[in-house]
Amino acid sequence: MLDALITSKTRIKLLLKFFLNSNTQDYLRNLESDLGDNTNAIRQELIKMEEAGLLKSFSKGNRKYFQSNKEHPLFSDINSILMKITGLDELVKRVLNNVGDLQEVYLTGDLAKGIGSEIIDLILVGDINQEYFHDLVLKGEKYIKKRIRFIVFKPEEFQEKQGKVLAEQDLLIWKK
């Protein structure tokens, strides 16, 4: 859907990368391998987005890192559009608010990395009715037209394993 408005596939990938997870920081060579685009196309888009104020950059060693500019007046709008396009807004509205004693939900996998995907990977922390949640997920998948994969941890179990199951790019998308 976004490709009807934005013709550059590289720009779309960069928007997903930096605006879906606003904590993402990355440098050119790593973006090349993550996004599967050529360095020149990525560099051009990064320059345009930085000149527009959408991204800010900083140096660490000999690398120039980029991240979203959370102070940009369009930041929240872009984030909201991406949440809608990926289906995460409806997932939160229709599924996560109705499953029991849910404490936290983390987005993992490709979407957390800012890579477009037809699969939403989640880590849920709480004491929930997993059968009921599975039924909600099946209904939600039809509505958002994406597959949802999830793993559930009890809060105490998650505390023990948090460092092992969460990656740096994983994103907290819901908290009680």
Protein backbone atom coordinates (compact mmCIF):
# COMPACT_ATOMS: atom_id res chain seq x y z
CA MET A 1 0.00 0.00 0.00
CA LEU A 2 2.80 2.41 0.85
CA ASP A 3 4.39 1.79 -2.54
CA ALA A 4 1.44 3.56 -4.20
CA LEU A 5 2.41 6.77 -2.36
CA ILE A 6 6.18 6.37 -2.21
CA THR A 7 7.81 5.04 -5.36
CA SER A 8 11.24 4.34 -3.87
CA LYS A 9 11.30 0.85 -2.37
CA THR A 10 14.53 1.77 -0.59
CA ARG A 11 12.85 4.77 1.05
CA ILE A 12 9.96 2.56 2.19
CA LYS A 13 12.40 0.09 3.75
CA LEU A 14 14.24 2.92 5.52
CA LEU A 15 10.99 4.37 6.86
CA LEU A 16 10.04 0.98 8.24
CA LYS A 17 13.52 0.52 9.68
CA PHE A 18 13.75 3.85 11.47
CA PHE A 19 10.16 4.89 12.17
CA LEU A 20 8.54 1.63 13.23
CA ASN A 21 11.17 1.20 15.93
CA SER A 22 12.35 4.70 16.81
CA ASN A 23 15.27 3.35 18.87
CA THR A 24 16.92 1.85 15.80
CA GLN A 25 20.40 3.15 15.02
CA ASP A 26 22.26 1.82 12.03
CA TYR A 27 25.06 2.57 9.59
CA LEU A 28 25.28 2.33 5.82
CA ARG A 29 27.08 -1.03 5.33
CA ASN A 30 24.83 -2.78 7.82
CA LEU A 31 21.74 -1.31 6.16
CA GLU A 32 23.00 -2.69 2.85
CA SER A 33 23.02 -6.23 4.20
CA ASP A 34 19.76 -5.84 6.19
CA LEU A 35 17.73 -4.27 3.40
CA GLY A 36 19.28 -6.06 0.44
CA ASP A 37 19.66 -2.85 -1.56
CA ASN A 38 22.81 -1.38 -3.07
CA THR A 39 24.90 1.07 -1.08
CA ASN A 40 24.42 3.99 -3.45
CA ALA A 41 20.61 3.81 -3.38
CA ILE A 42 20.61 3.62 0.41
CA ARG A 43 23.12 6.48 0.72
CA GLN A 44 21.03 8.74 -1.52
CA GLU A 45 17.87 8.07 0.47
CA LEU A 46 19.64 8.57 3.80
CA ILE A 47 20.95 11.95 2.60
CA LYS A 48 17.50 13.05 1.42
CA MET A 49 15.86 11.96 4.69
CA GLU A 50 18.57 13.63 6.77
CA GLU A 51 18.29 16.89 4.77
CA ALA A 52 14.52 16.80 5.34
CA GLY A 53 15.14 16.42 9.07
CA LEU A 54 13.48 13.01 9.27
CA LEU A 55 16.75 11.34 10.26
CA LYS A 56 19.63 12.55 12.37
CA SER A 57 23.15 11.19 12.30
CA PHE A 58 26.12 10.83 14.60
CA SER A 59 29.57 9.30 14.36
CA LYS A 60 30.85 6.36 16.37
CA GLY A 61 34.41 5.48 15.50
CA ASN A 62 34.69 5.65 11.74
CA ARG A 63 31.00 4.89 11.13
CA LYS A 64 28.17 7.34 10.56
CA TYR A 65 25.01 6.13 12.29
CA PHE A 66 21.47 7.21 11.47
CA GLN A 67 18.30 7.17 13.53
CA SER A 68 14.87 8.75 13.33
CA ASN A 69 14.46 12.30 14.53
CA LYS A 70 11.77 11.96 17.20
CA GLU A 71 11.47 15.76 17.42
CA HIS A 72 10.45 16.10 13.76
CA PRO A 73 6.85 17.35 13.52
CA LEU A 74 5.89 14.41 11.27
CA PHE A 75 7.51 11.69 13.39
CA SER A 76 4.33 10.59 15.18
CA ASP A 77 2.31 10.75 11.95
CA ILE A 78 4.80 8.59 10.04
CA ASN A 79 4.94 6.13 12.94
CA SER A 80 1.15 5.97 13.04
CA ILE A 81 0.92 5.33 9.28
CA LEU A 82 3.47 2.52 9.55
CA MET A 83 1.61 0.98 12.50
CA LYS A 84 -1.55 0.97 10.39
CA ILE A 85 0.13 -0.43 7.28
CA THR A 86 1.82 -3.24 9.22
CA GLY A 87 -1.41 -4.03 11.09
CA LEU A 88 0.10 -3.45 14.52
CA ASP A 89 -2.48 -0.81 15.49
CA GLU A 90 -5.39 -3.21 14.88
CA LEU A 91 -3.55 -6.03 16.61
CA VAL A 92 -3.25 -3.93 19.75
CA LYS A 93 -6.83 -2.67 19.51
CA ARG A 94 -8.60 -5.93 18.72
CA VAL A 95 -6.46 -8.62 20.32
CA LEU A 96 -4.05 -7.52 23.03
CA ASN A 97 -6.54 -5.55 25.10
CA ASN A 98 -8.81 -8.58 25.58
CA VAL A 99 -6.69 -11.56 26.60
CA GLY A 100 -6.41 -11.54 30.38
CA ASP A 101 -3.56 -10.45 32.63
CA LEU A 102 -1.16 -9.39 29.92
CA GLN A 103 1.82 -7.34 31.19
CA GLU A 104 3.94 -6.58 28.11
CA VAL A 105 4.11 -7.33 24.40
CA TYR A 106 7.29 -7.13 22.33
CA LEU A 107 7.52 -7.03 18.55
CA THR A 108 10.36 -9.24 17.31
CA GLY A 109 11.52 -10.61 13.97
CA ASP A 110 11.69 -8.77 10.67
CA LEU A 111 9.22 -6.01 11.53
CA ALA A 112 11.19 -5.12 14.67
CA LYS A 113 14.27 -4.83 12.45
CA GLY A 114 12.34 -2.51 10.14
CA ILE A 115 12.06 -5.04 7.36
CA GLY A 116 8.62 -5.38 5.80
CA SER A 117 7.04 -8.75 6.50
CA GLU A 118 3.76 -10.59 6.17
CA ILE A 119 4.43 -12.17 9.58
CA ILE A 120 4.11 -10.41 12.92
CA ASP A 121 6.30 -12.06 15.57
CA LEU A 122 5.42 -11.34 19.20
CA ILE A 123 6.60 -12.14 22.70
CA LEU A 124 3.80 -11.86 25.25
CA VAL A 125 4.47 -11.58 28.96
CA GLY A 126 1.62 -12.37 31.35
CA ASP A 127 -0.87 -14.90 32.54
CA ILE A 128 -3.29 -15.26 29.65
CA ASN A 129 -5.79 -17.75 28.33
CA GLN A 130 -3.75 -19.09 25.43
CA GLU A 131 -6.66 -20.90 23.74
CA TYR A 132 -8.74 -17.73 23.76
CA PHE A 133 -5.75 -15.71 22.55
CA HIS A 134 -5.17 -18.18 19.72
CA ASP A 135 -8.82 -17.76 18.63
CA LEU A 136 -8.41 -13.96 18.68
CA VAL A 137 -5.21 -14.26 16.67
CA LEU A 138 -6.98 -16.31 13.98
CA LYS A 139 -9.67 -13.64 13.70
CA GLY A 140 -7.09 -10.85 13.79
CA GLU A 141 -5.03 -12.48 11.02
CA LYS A 142 -8.01 -12.39 8.68
CA TYR A 143 -8.65 -8.74 9.47
CA ILE A 144 -5.08 -7.45 9.14
CA LYS A 145 -4.14 -9.96 6.40
CA LYS A 146 -0.90 -10.97 8.10
CA ARG A 147 0.20 -14.08 9.94
CA ILE A 148 0.81 -13.69 13.69
CA ARG A 149 3.32 -15.88 15.53
CA PHE A 150 3.70 -15.61 19.26
CA ILE A 151 5.32 -17.05 22.34
CA VAL A 152 3.97 -16.52 25.86
CA PHE A 153 6.04 -16.20 29.03
CA LYS A 154 4.82 -15.97 32.62
CA PRO A 155 6.23 -12.75 34.17
CA GLU A 156 8.67 -14.59 36.45
CA GLU A 157 9.85 -16.82 33.59
CA PHE A 158 10.40 -13.77 31.38
CA GLN A 159 12.46 -12.05 34.10
CA GLU A 160 14.81 -15.04 34.15
CA LYS A 161 15.11 -15.35 30.36
CA GLN A 162 14.73 -11.74 29.22
CA GLY A 163 18.38 -11.32 28.19
CA LYS A 164 18.25 -14.56 26.20
CA VAL A 165 14.95 -14.07 24.37
CA LEU A 166 15.04 -10.36 23.53
CA ALA A 167 17.33 -8.95 20.87
CA GLU A 168 18.52 -5.34 20.75
CA GLN A 169 16.07 -4.40 18.00
CA ASP A 170 13.01 -5.95 19.68
CA LEU A 171 10.39 -3.34 20.42
CA LEU A 172 8.04 -2.99 23.38
CA ILE A 173 4.71 -2.19 21.67
CA TRP A 174 2.29 -2.59 24.59
CA LYS A 175 2.54 -2.38 28.35
CA LYS A 176 -0.10 -2.65 31.06
